Amino acid sequence: MNNSAIIIQGLRKSYGRGTNRKEVLKGIDLEVKGGQIIGYIGPNGAGKSTTVKILCGLLKDFEGDIQVNGLNLRDHEMEIKSKIGYVPETSAIYETLTPNEYLSLLATLFEIPEVKTKERIDSLLKFFGMIEYADQRMDSFSKGMRQKILIIAGIINNPDIIFLDEPLSGLDANSVILVKEMLTKLAEQGKTIFYSSHLMDVVEKISDRIVLINDGVVIADGTFEELKLDNSSLEQVFARLTGSTENTEESKAMFESLN
């Protein structure tokens, strides 16, 4: 029995046409086992968000084959969407609604029984310290408060696979700790977490496996222990593999010139 949650074969994606055509993904091959937390990292423009949006069915014009929970993405898009969760860095939110109204609407779309809906919403709002704002209009919320609602929205359907694209944007330190705790507990329940981020310390601490992409291709894939050299941090591994150590030397030279 194949317990792969995600299988990506020859994934390519380009934007533009003619002389303006830019290939963002250049042949990604990746297999993710169920119950893993994958840290999907890379420099800006490497193709992280594009990969996540394709896997969530938000970008349809791509080359290659993708299977999610054993289903072909092109042939079973709606069925797959019903079993996954997606937390973006930023997203439009129905600001005139309250968290209770917004999350109840999503629960209805996912056909969650009404008796489970209230229990699930209350539990998640309490976990993120948002229960006192449950009936307050979201147009008054801070970025961090809105991000908490987006995270809750991404898991309201109890998904098998959760895609997170810079999910900690705008969150304070205590909220970041809560998210890390939540992801660990979800993985313990057998959920698969596909976590795209540039925050190396978080990725290093929660990931079972780290996939590093650069310029549209996978350049490293393994556990942190497998990727690091000596006592290197993930940031140092990232810099070494992406060639950004050159920028570090340039910065050092610049500051020395100011003295």
C-alpha atoms as a PDB file:
ATOM      1  CA  MET A   1       0.000   0.000   0.000  1.00  0.00           C
ATOM      2  CA  ASN A   2       1.336   3.447  -1.005  1.00  0.00           C
ATOM      3  CA  ASN A   3       1.186   5.837   1.947  1.00  0.00           C
ATOM      4  CA  SER A   4       2.422   8.825  -0.037  1.00  0.00           C
ATOM      5  CA  ALA A   5       0.371  11.953   0.634  1.00  0.00           C
ATOM      6  CA  ILE A   6       1.899  13.937  -2.228  1.00  0.00           C
ATOM      7  CA  ILE A   7       3.721  12.780  -5.361  1.00  0.00           C
ATOM      8  CA  ILE A   8       5.138  15.410  -7.729  1.00  0.00           C
ATOM      9  CA  GLN A   9       6.730  14.349 -11.016  1.00  0.00           C
ATOM     10  CA  GLY A  10       8.350  16.719 -13.491  1.00  0.00           C
ATOM     11  CA  LEU A  11       6.543  19.824 -12.246  1.00  0.00           C
ATOM     12  CA  ARG A  12       7.200  22.850 -14.439  1.00  0.00           C
ATOM     13  CA  LYS A  13       5.538  26.239 -14.416  1.00  0.00           C
ATOM     14  CA  SER A  14       6.190  29.316 -16.534  1.00  0.00           C
ATOM     15  CA  TYR A  15       4.781  32.834 -16.599  1.00  0.00           C
ATOM     16  CA  GLY A  16       4.564  35.149 -19.607  1.00  0.00           C
ATOM     17  CA  ARG A  17       5.039  34.463 -23.283  1.00  0.00           C
ATOM     18  CA  GLY A  18       7.661  34.832 -25.962  1.00  0.00           C
ATOM     19  CA  THR A  19      10.715  36.808 -24.899  1.00  0.00           C
ATOM     20  CA  ASN A  20       8.989  37.628 -21.593  1.00  0.00           C
ATOM     21  CA  ARG A  21       8.501  33.968 -20.696  1.00  0.00           C
ATOM     22  CA  LYS A  22      10.050  33.025 -17.360  1.00  0.00           C
ATOM     23  CA  GLU A  23      10.255  29.450 -16.121  1.00  0.00           C
ATOM     24  CA  VAL A  24       9.719  29.470 -12.358  1.00  0.00           C
ATOM     25  CA  LEU A  25       9.637  25.712 -11.699  1.00  0.00           C
ATOM     26  CA  LYS A  26      12.069  23.674 -13.777  1.00  0.00           C
ATOM     27  CA  GLY A  27      11.223  20.051 -13.087  1.00  0.00           C
ATOM     28  CA  ILE A  28      10.361  19.385  -9.435  1.00  0.00           C
ATOM     29  CA  ASP A  29      10.243  15.727  -8.361  1.00  0.00           C
ATOM     30  CA  LEU A  30       9.106  15.139  -4.803  1.00  0.00           C
ATOM     31  CA  GLU A  31       7.368  12.470  -2.740  1.00  0.00           C
ATOM     32  CA  VAL A  32       5.922  13.242   0.689  1.00  0.00           C
ATOM     33  CA  LYS A  33       4.860  10.443   3.030  1.00  0.00           C
ATOM     34  CA  GLY A  34       1.728  10.779   5.127  1.00  0.00           C
ATOM     35  CA  GLY A  35       2.247  12.208   8.616  1.00  0.00           C
ATOM     36  CA  GLN A  36       5.426  14.110   7.746  1.00  0.00           C
ATOM     37  CA  ILE A  37       6.126  17.792   8.377  1.00  0.00           C
ATOM     38  CA  ILE A  38       7.968  19.046   5.310  1.00  0.00           C
ATOM     39  CA  GLY A  39       9.864  22.321   5.510  1.00  0.00           C
ATOM     40  CA  TYR A  40       9.853  23.722   1.968  1.00  0.00           C
ATOM     41  CA  ILE A  41      12.388  26.539   1.888  1.00  0.00           C
ATOM     42  CA  GLY A  42      14.263  28.682  -0.603  1.00  0.00           C
ATOM     43  CA  PRO A  43      15.194  32.256  -1.508  1.00  0.00           C
ATOM     44  CA  ASN A  44      12.631  34.785  -2.717  1.00  0.00           C
ATOM     45  CA  GLY A  45      11.567  33.879  -6.247  1.00  0.00           C
ATOM     46  CA  ALA A  46      12.704  30.253  -5.931  1.00  0.00           C
ATOM     47  CA  GLY A  47       9.203  28.921  -6.651  1.00  0.00           C
ATOM     48  CA  LYS A  48       7.939  28.050  -3.153  1.00  0.00           C
ATOM     49  CA  SER A  49       4.579  29.840  -3.305  1.00  0.00           C
ATOM     50  CA  THR A  50       4.039  28.745  -6.899  1.00  0.00           C
ATOM     51  CA  THR A  51       4.473  25.115  -5.866  1.00  0.00           C
ATOM     52  CA  VAL A  52       2.008  25.477  -2.990  1.00  0.00           C
ATOM     53  CA  LYS A  53      -0.605  27.219  -5.151  1.00  0.00           C
ATOM     54  CA  ILE A  54      -0.367  24.473  -7.775  1.00  0.00           C
ATOM     55  CA  LEU A  55      -0.760  21.751  -5.133  1.00  0.00           C
ATOM     56  CA  CYS A  56      -3.849  23.533  -3.769  1.00  0.00           C
ATOM     57  CA  GLY A  57      -5.426  23.778  -7.217  1.00  0.00           C
ATOM     58  CA  LEU A  58      -5.112  27.573  -7.397  1.00  0.00           C
ATOM     59  CA  LEU A  59      -2.803  27.509 -10.440  1.00  0.00           C
ATOM     60  CA  LYS A  60      -3.892  25.131 -13.165  1.00  0.00           C
ATOM     61  CA  ASP A  61      -1.548  25.834 -16.077  1.00  0.00           C
ATOM     62  CA  PHE A  62       1.426  23.610 -15.271  1.00  0.00           C
ATOM     63  CA  GLU A  63       3.363  20.716 -16.749  1.00  0.00           C
ATOM     64  CA  GLY A  64       3.969  17.420 -14.991  1.00  0.00           C
ATOM     65  CA  ASP A  65       1.924  15.058 -12.847  1.00  0.00           C
ATOM     66  CA  ILE A  66       0.695  15.536  -9.283  1.00  0.00           C
ATOM     67  CA  GLN A  67      -1.082  13.085  -7.005  1.00  0.00           C
ATOM     68  CA  VAL A  68      -2.570  14.134  -3.680  1.00  0.00           C
ATOM     69  CA  ASN A  69      -3.802  11.341  -1.409  1.00  0.00           C
ATOM     70  CA  GLY A  70      -3.555   8.961  -4.347  1.00  0.00           C
ATOM     71  CA  LEU A  71      -5.728  11.138  -6.599  1.00  0.00           C
ATOM     72  CA  ASN A  72      -4.596  12.870  -9.771  1.00  0.00           C
ATOM     73  CA  LEU A  73      -4.875  16.629  -9.208  1.00  0.00           C
ATOM     74  CA  ARG A  74      -6.157  17.398 -12.701  1.00  0.00           C
ATOM     75  CA  ASP A  75      -8.879  14.753 -12.575  1.00  0.00           C
ATOM     76  CA  HIS A  76     -10.023  15.082  -8.955  1.00  0.00           C
ATOM     77  CA  GLU A  77      -9.488  18.741  -8.086  1.00  0.00           C
ATOM     78  CA  MET A  78     -12.673  19.308  -6.079  1.00  0.00           C
ATOM     79  CA  GLU A  79     -12.375  16.045  -4.135  1.00  0.00           C
ATOM     80  CA  ILE A  80      -8.782  16.927  -3.239  1.00  0.00           C
ATOM     81  CA  LYS A  81      -9.747  20.458  -2.187  1.00  0.00           C
ATOM     82  CA  SER A  82     -12.284  19.043   0.255  1.00  0.00           C
ATOM     83  CA  LYS A  83      -9.536  17.116   2.061  1.00  0.00           C
ATOM     84  CA  ILE A  84      -6.780  19.726   2.242  1.00  0.00           C
ATOM     85  CA  GLY A  85      -6.235  22.954   4.156  1.00  0.00           C
ATOM     86  CA  TYR A  86      -4.435  26.072   2.926  1.00  0.00           C
ATOM     87  CA  VAL A  87      -3.040  28.941   4.987  1.00  0.00           C
ATOM     88  CA  PRO A  88      -1.546  31.763   2.877  1.00  0.00           C
ATOM     89  CA  GLU A  89       0.692  34.592   4.032  1.00  0.00           C
ATOM     90  CA  THR A  90      -2.017  37.105   3.202  1.00  0.00           C
ATOM     91  CA  SER A  91      -5.513  36.666   1.872  1.00  0.00           C
ATOM     92  CA  ALA A  92      -8.732  38.562   1.425  1.00  0.00           C
ATOM     93  CA  ILE A  93     -11.115  38.026   4.291  1.00  0.00           C
ATOM     94  CA  TYR A  94     -14.790  38.957   4.667  1.00  0.00           C
ATOM     95  CA  GLU A  95     -14.114  41.882   6.976  1.00  0.00           C
ATOM     96  CA  THR A  96     -17.743  42.749   7.606  1.00  0.00           C
ATOM     97  CA  LEU A  97     -18.317  39.305   9.123  1.00  0.00           C
ATOM     98  CA  THR A  98     -17.425  38.152  12.608  1.00  0.00           C
ATOM     99  CA  PRO A  99     -15.126  35.134  13.134  1.00  0.00           C
ATOM    100  CA  ASN A 100     -18.172  33.065  14.096  1.00  0.00           C
ATOM    101  CA  GLU A 101     -20.009  34.055  10.908  1.00  0.00           C
ATOM    102  CA  TYR A 102     -16.998  33.601   8.642  1.00  0.00           C
ATOM    103  CA  LEU A 103     -15.941  30.225  10.045  1.00  0.00           C
ATOM    104  CA  SER A 104     -19.540  28.986  10.078  1.00  0.00           C
ATOM    105  CA  LEU A 105     -19.808  29.899   6.387  1.00  0.00           C
ATOM    106  CA  LEU A 106     -16.683  27.859   5.624  1.00  0.00           C
ATOM    107  CA  ALA A 107     -17.998  24.948   7.666  1.00  0.00           C
ATOM    108  CA  THR A 108     -21.192  25.009   5.606  1.00  0.00           C
ATOM    109  CA  LEU A 109     -19.197  24.939   2.365  1.00  0.00           C
ATOM    110  CA  PHE A 110     -17.285  21.917   3.676  1.00  0.00           C
ATOM    111  CA  GLU A 111     -20.604  20.313   4.704  1.00  0.00           C
ATOM    112  CA  ILE A 112     -19.529  19.972   8.323  1.00  0.00           C
ATOM    113  CA  PRO A 113     -22.492  18.969  10.534  1.00  0.00           C
ATOM    114  CA  GLU A 114     -23.871  21.902  12.514  1.00  0.00           C
ATOM    115  CA  VAL A 115     -23.381  20.147  15.842  1.00  0.00           C
ATOM    116  CA  LYS A 116     -19.667  19.762  15.110  1.00  0.00           C
ATOM    117  CA  THR A 117     -19.271  23.251  13.673  1.00  0.00           C
ATOM    118  CA  LYS A 118     -19.840  25.212  16.890  1.00  0.00           C
ATOM    119  CA  GLU A 119     -17.709  22.852  18.952  1.00  0.00           C
ATOM    120  CA  ARG A 120     -14.833  23.037  16.456  1.00  0.00           C
ATOM    121  CA  ILE A 121     -14.986  26.829  16.044  1.00  0.00           C
ATOM    122  CA  ASP A 122     -15.123  27.469  19.793  1.00  0.00           C
ATOM    123  CA  SER A 123     -12.226  25.091  20.422  1.00  0.00           C
ATOM    124  CA  LEU A 124      -9.996  26.702  17.787  1.00  0.00           C
ATOM    125  CA  LEU A 125     -10.851  30.265  18.811  1.00  0.00           C
ATOM    126  CA  LYS A 126     -10.040  29.436  22.433  1.00  0.00           C
ATOM    127  CA  PHE A 127      -6.733  27.827  21.441  1.00  0.00           C
ATOM    128  CA  PHE A 128      -5.650  31.030  19.670  1.00  0.00           C
ATOM    129  CA  GLY A 129      -6.992  33.360  22.361  1.00  0.00           C
ATOM    130  CA  MET A 130      -9.682  34.738  20.048  1.00  0.00           C
ATOM    131  CA  ILE A 131     -12.874  33.544  21.725  1.00  0.00           C
ATOM    132  CA  GLU A 132     -13.609  37.002  23.182  1.00  0.00           C
ATOM    133  CA  TYR A 133     -13.592  38.421  19.643  1.00  0.00           C
ATOM    134  CA  ALA A 134     -15.852  35.704  18.207  1.00  0.00           C
ATOM    135  CA  ASP A 135     -18.721  38.130  17.530  1.00  0.00           C
ATOM    136  CA  GLN A 136     -16.692  41.224  16.662  1.00  0.00           C
ATOM    137  CA  ARG A 137     -16.514  42.511  13.073  1.00  0.00           C
ATOM    138  CA  MET A 138     -13.139  41.630  11.560  1.00  0.00           C
ATOM    139  CA  ASP A 139     -12.627  45.028   9.910  1.00  0.00           C
ATOM    140  CA  SER A 140     -11.287  46.190  13.286  1.00  0.00           C
ATOM    141  CA  PHE A 141      -8.782  43.319  13.609  1.00  0.00           C
ATOM    142  CA  SER A 142      -5.009  43.715  13.516  1.00  0.00           C
ATOM    143  CA  LYS A 143      -2.933  41.781  10.953  1.00  0.00           C
ATOM    144  CA  GLY A 144      -2.010  39.230  13.591  1.00  0.00           C
ATOM    145  CA  MET A 145      -5.648  38.668  14.580  1.00  0.00           C
ATOM    146  CA  ARG A 146      -6.648  38.213  10.953  1.00  0.00           C
ATOM    147  CA  GLN A 147      -3.799  35.754  10.447  1.00  0.00           C
ATOM    148  CA  LYS A 148      -5.083  33.655  13.350  1.00  0.00           C
ATOM    149  CA  ILE A 149      -8.496  33.504  11.669  1.00  0.00           C
ATOM    150  CA  LEU A 150      -6.846  32.470   8.385  1.00  0.00           C
ATOM    151  CA  ILE A 151      -5.019  29.669  10.189  1.00  0.00           C
ATOM    152  CA  ILE A 152      -8.258  28.492  11.810  1.00  0.00           C
ATOM    153  CA  ALA A 153      -9.990  28.687   8.411  1.00  0.00           C
ATOM    154  CA  GLY A 154      -7.237  26.507   6.956  1.00  0.00           C
ATOM    155  CA  ILE A 155      -7.903  23.647   9.367  1.00  0.00           C
ATOM    156  CA  ILE A 156     -11.646  24.032  10.029  1.00  0.00           C
ATOM    157  CA  ASN A 157     -12.409  21.038   7.781  1.00  0.00           C
ATOM    158  CA  ASN A 158      -9.989  18.756   9.678  1.00  0.00           C
ATOM    159  CA  PRO A 159      -7.885  18.250   6.519  1.00  0.00           C
ATOM    160  CA  ASP A 160      -5.601  15.300   5.804  1.00  0.00           C
ATOM    161  CA  ILE A 161      -2.961  17.596   4.308  1.00  0.00           C
ATOM    162  CA  ILE A 162      -2.258  21.191   5.324  1.00  0.00           C
ATOM    163  CA  PHE A 163      -0.384  23.599   3.081  1.00  0.00           C
ATOM    164  CA  LEU A 164       1.100  26.622   4.821  1.00  0.00           C
ATOM    165  CA  ASP A 165       2.726  29.475   2.898  1.00  0.00           C
ATOM    166  CA  GLU A 166       4.478  31.812   5.374  1.00  0.00           C
ATOM    167  CA  PRO A 167       1.683  31.259   7.934  1.00  0.00           C
ATOM    168  CA  LEU A 168       3.349  33.219  10.743  1.00  0.00           C
ATOM    169  CA  SER A 169       3.130  36.607   9.031  1.00  0.00           C
ATOM    170  CA  GLY A 170       2.095  39.252  11.567  1.00  0.00           C
ATOM    171  CA  LEU A 171       1.980  36.889  14.555  1.00  0.00           C
ATOM    172  CA  ASP A 172       3.630  37.729  17.872  1.00  0.00           C
ATOM    173  CA  ALA A 173       6.067  35.380  19.626  1.00  0.00           C
ATOM    174  CA  ASN A 174       3.411  33.725  21.798  1.00  0.00           C
ATOM    175  CA  SER A 175       1.202  33.031  18.775  1.00  0.00           C
ATOM    176  CA  VAL A 176       4.161  31.527  16.900  1.00  0.00           C
ATOM    177  CA  ILE A 177       4.638  29.098  19.798  1.00  0.00           C
ATOM    178  CA  LEU A 178       0.954  28.144  19.569  1.00  0.00           C
ATOM    179  CA  VAL A 179       1.223  27.472  15.839  1.00  0.00           C
ATOM    180  CA  LYS A 180       4.294  25.268  16.334  1.00  0.00           C
ATOM    181  CA  GLU A 181       2.453  23.359  19.062  1.00  0.00           C
ATOM    182  CA  MET A 182      -0.586  22.965  16.825  1.00  0.00           C
ATOM    183  CA  LEU A 183       1.460  21.642  13.885  1.00  0.00           C
ATOM    184  CA  THR A 184       3.246  19.120  16.080  1.00  0.00           C
ATOM    185  CA  LYS A 185      -0.072  17.828  17.444  1.00  0.00           C
ATOM    186  CA  LEU A 186      -1.600  17.601  13.959  1.00  0.00           C
ATOM    187  CA  ALA A 187       1.389  15.603  12.707  1.00  0.00           C
ATOM    188  CA  GLU A 188       0.998  13.254  15.682  1.00  0.00           C
ATOM    189  CA  GLN A 189      -2.573  12.650  14.483  1.00  0.00           C
ATOM    190  CA  GLY A 190      -1.216  11.560  11.097  1.00  0.00           C
ATOM    191  CA  LYS A 191      -1.767  14.851   9.261  1.00  0.00           C
ATOM    192  CA  THR A 192       0.717  15.831   6.573  1.00  0.00           C
ATOM    193  CA  ILE A 193       2.126  19.359   6.868  1.00  0.00           C
ATOM    194  CA  PHE A 194       3.674  21.099   3.846  1.00  0.00           C
ATOM    195  CA  TYR A 195       5.277  24.186   5.360  1.00  0.00           C
ATOM    196  CA  SER A 196       6.741  26.834   3.047  1.00  0.00           C
ATOM    197  CA  SER A 197       8.730  29.541   4.834  1.00  0.00           C
ATOM    198  CA  HIS A 198      11.895  31.615   5.019  1.00  0.00           C
ATOM    199  CA  LEU A 199      11.925  31.529   8.843  1.00  0.00           C
ATOM    200  CA  MET A 200      14.714  29.010   9.320  1.00  0.00           C
ATOM    201  CA  ASP A 201      14.468  28.617  13.091  1.00  0.00           C
ATOM    202  CA  VAL A 202      10.840  27.479  12.904  1.00  0.00           C
ATOM    203  CA  VAL A 203      11.486  25.117   9.978  1.00  0.00           C
ATOM    204  CA  GLU A 204      14.505  23.632  11.742  1.00  0.00           C
ATOM    205  CA  LYS A 205      12.551  22.912  14.931  1.00  0.00           C
ATOM    206  CA  ILE A 206       9.354  21.397  13.555  1.00  0.00           C
ATOM    207  CA  SER A 207      10.296  19.679  10.277  1.00  0.00           C
ATOM    208  CA  ASP A 208      10.826  15.955   9.867  1.00  0.00           C
ATOM    209  CA  ARG A 209      12.360  16.696   6.492  1.00  0.00           C
ATOM    210  CA  ILE A 210      13.627  19.795   4.728  1.00  0.00           C
ATOM    211  CA  VAL A 211      13.403  20.426   0.989  1.00  0.00           C
ATOM    212  CA  LEU A 212      15.439  23.354  -0.317  1.00  0.00           C
ATOM    213  CA  ILE A 213      14.703  24.764  -3.748  1.00  0.00           C
ATOM    214  CA  ASN A 214      16.653  27.394  -5.618  1.00  0.00           C
ATOM    215  CA  ASP A 215      15.960  28.819  -9.069  1.00  0.00           C
ATOM    216  CA  GLY A 216      13.082  26.391  -9.610  1.00  0.00           C
ATOM    217  CA  VAL A 217      14.894  23.132  -8.794  1.00  0.00           C
ATOM    218  CA  VAL A 218      15.389  21.023  -5.667  1.00  0.00           C
ATOM    219  CA  ILE A 219      19.001  21.357  -4.503  1.00  0.00           C
ATOM    220  CA  ALA A 220      18.747  19.583  -1.131  1.00  0.00           C
ATOM    221  CA  ASP A 221      16.360  17.095   0.454  1.00  0.00           C
ATOM    222  CA  GLY A 222      16.763  15.416   3.825  1.00  0.00           C
ATOM    223  CA  THR A 223      16.543  15.790   7.574  1.00  0.00           C
ATOM    224  CA  PHE A 224      18.277  18.738   9.193  1.00  0.00           C
ATOM    225  CA  GLU A 225      20.858  16.353  10.617  1.00  0.00           C
ATOM    226  CA  GLU A 226      21.591  15.061   7.113  1.00  0.00           C
ATOM    227  CA  LEU A 227      21.908  18.537   5.592  1.00  0.00           C
ATOM    228  CA  LYS A 228      24.009  20.314   8.190  1.00  0.00           C
ATOM    229  CA  LEU A 229      27.786  20.258   8.449  1.00  0.00           C
ATOM    230  CA  ASP A 230      29.393  20.142  11.909  1.00  0.00           C
ATOM    231  CA  ASN A 231      27.232  22.412  14.106  1.00  0.00           C
ATOM    232  CA  SER A 232      25.794  24.531  11.307  1.00  0.00           C
ATOM    233  CA  SER A 233      22.424  26.184  11.770  1.00  0.00           C
ATOM    234  CA  LEU A 234      19.764  25.838   9.084  1.00  0.00           C
ATOM    235  CA  GLU A 235      20.455  29.458   8.082  1.00  0.00           C
ATOM    236  CA  GLN A 236      24.104  28.542   7.471  1.00  0.00           C
ATOM    237  CA  VAL A 237      23.086  25.464   5.471  1.00  0.00           C
ATOM    238  CA  PHE A 238      20.705  27.646   3.449  1.00  0.00           C
ATOM    239  CA  ALA A 239      23.420  30.223   2.767  1.00  0.00           C
ATOM    240  CA  ARG A 240      25.954  27.577   1.769  1.00  0.00           C
ATOM    241  CA  LEU A 241      23.644  25.756  -0.639  1.00  0.00           C
ATOM    242  CA  THR A 242      22.130  28.837  -2.269  1.00  0.00           C
ATOM    243  CA  GLY A 243      25.421  30.705  -2.588  1.00  0.00           C
ATOM    244  CA  SER A 244      24.283  33.590  -0.386  1.00  0.00           C
ATOM    245  CA  THR A 245      27.527  33.415   1.589  1.00  0.00           C
ATOM    246  CA  GLU A 246      28.871  35.759  -1.083  1.00  0.00           C
ATOM    247  CA  ASN A 247      26.355  38.382   0.031  1.00  0.00           C
ATOM    248  CA  THR A 248      27.538  37.936   3.621  1.00  0.00           C
ATOM    249  CA  GLU A 249      31.105  38.663   2.593  1.00  0.00           C
ATOM    250  CA  GLU A 250      29.989  41.696   0.577  1.00  0.00           C
ATOM    251  CA  SER A 251      28.062  43.028   3.595  1.00  0.00           C
ATOM    252  CA  LYS A 252      31.092  42.491   5.826  1.00  0.00           C
ATOM    253  CA  ALA A 253      33.313  44.370   3.386  1.00  0.00           C
ATOM    254  CA  MET A 254      30.812  47.231   3.137  1.00  0.00           C
ATOM    255  CA  PHE A 255      30.611  47.769   6.903  1.00  0.00           C
ATOM    256  CA  GLU A 256      34.373  47.531   7.258  1.00  0.00           C
ATOM    257  CA  SER A 257      34.690  50.286   4.661  1.00  0.00           C
ATOM    258  CA  LEU A 258      32.534  52.555   6.828  1.00  0.00           C
ATOM    259  CA  ASN A 259      34.968  52.357   9.739  1.00  0.00           C
END
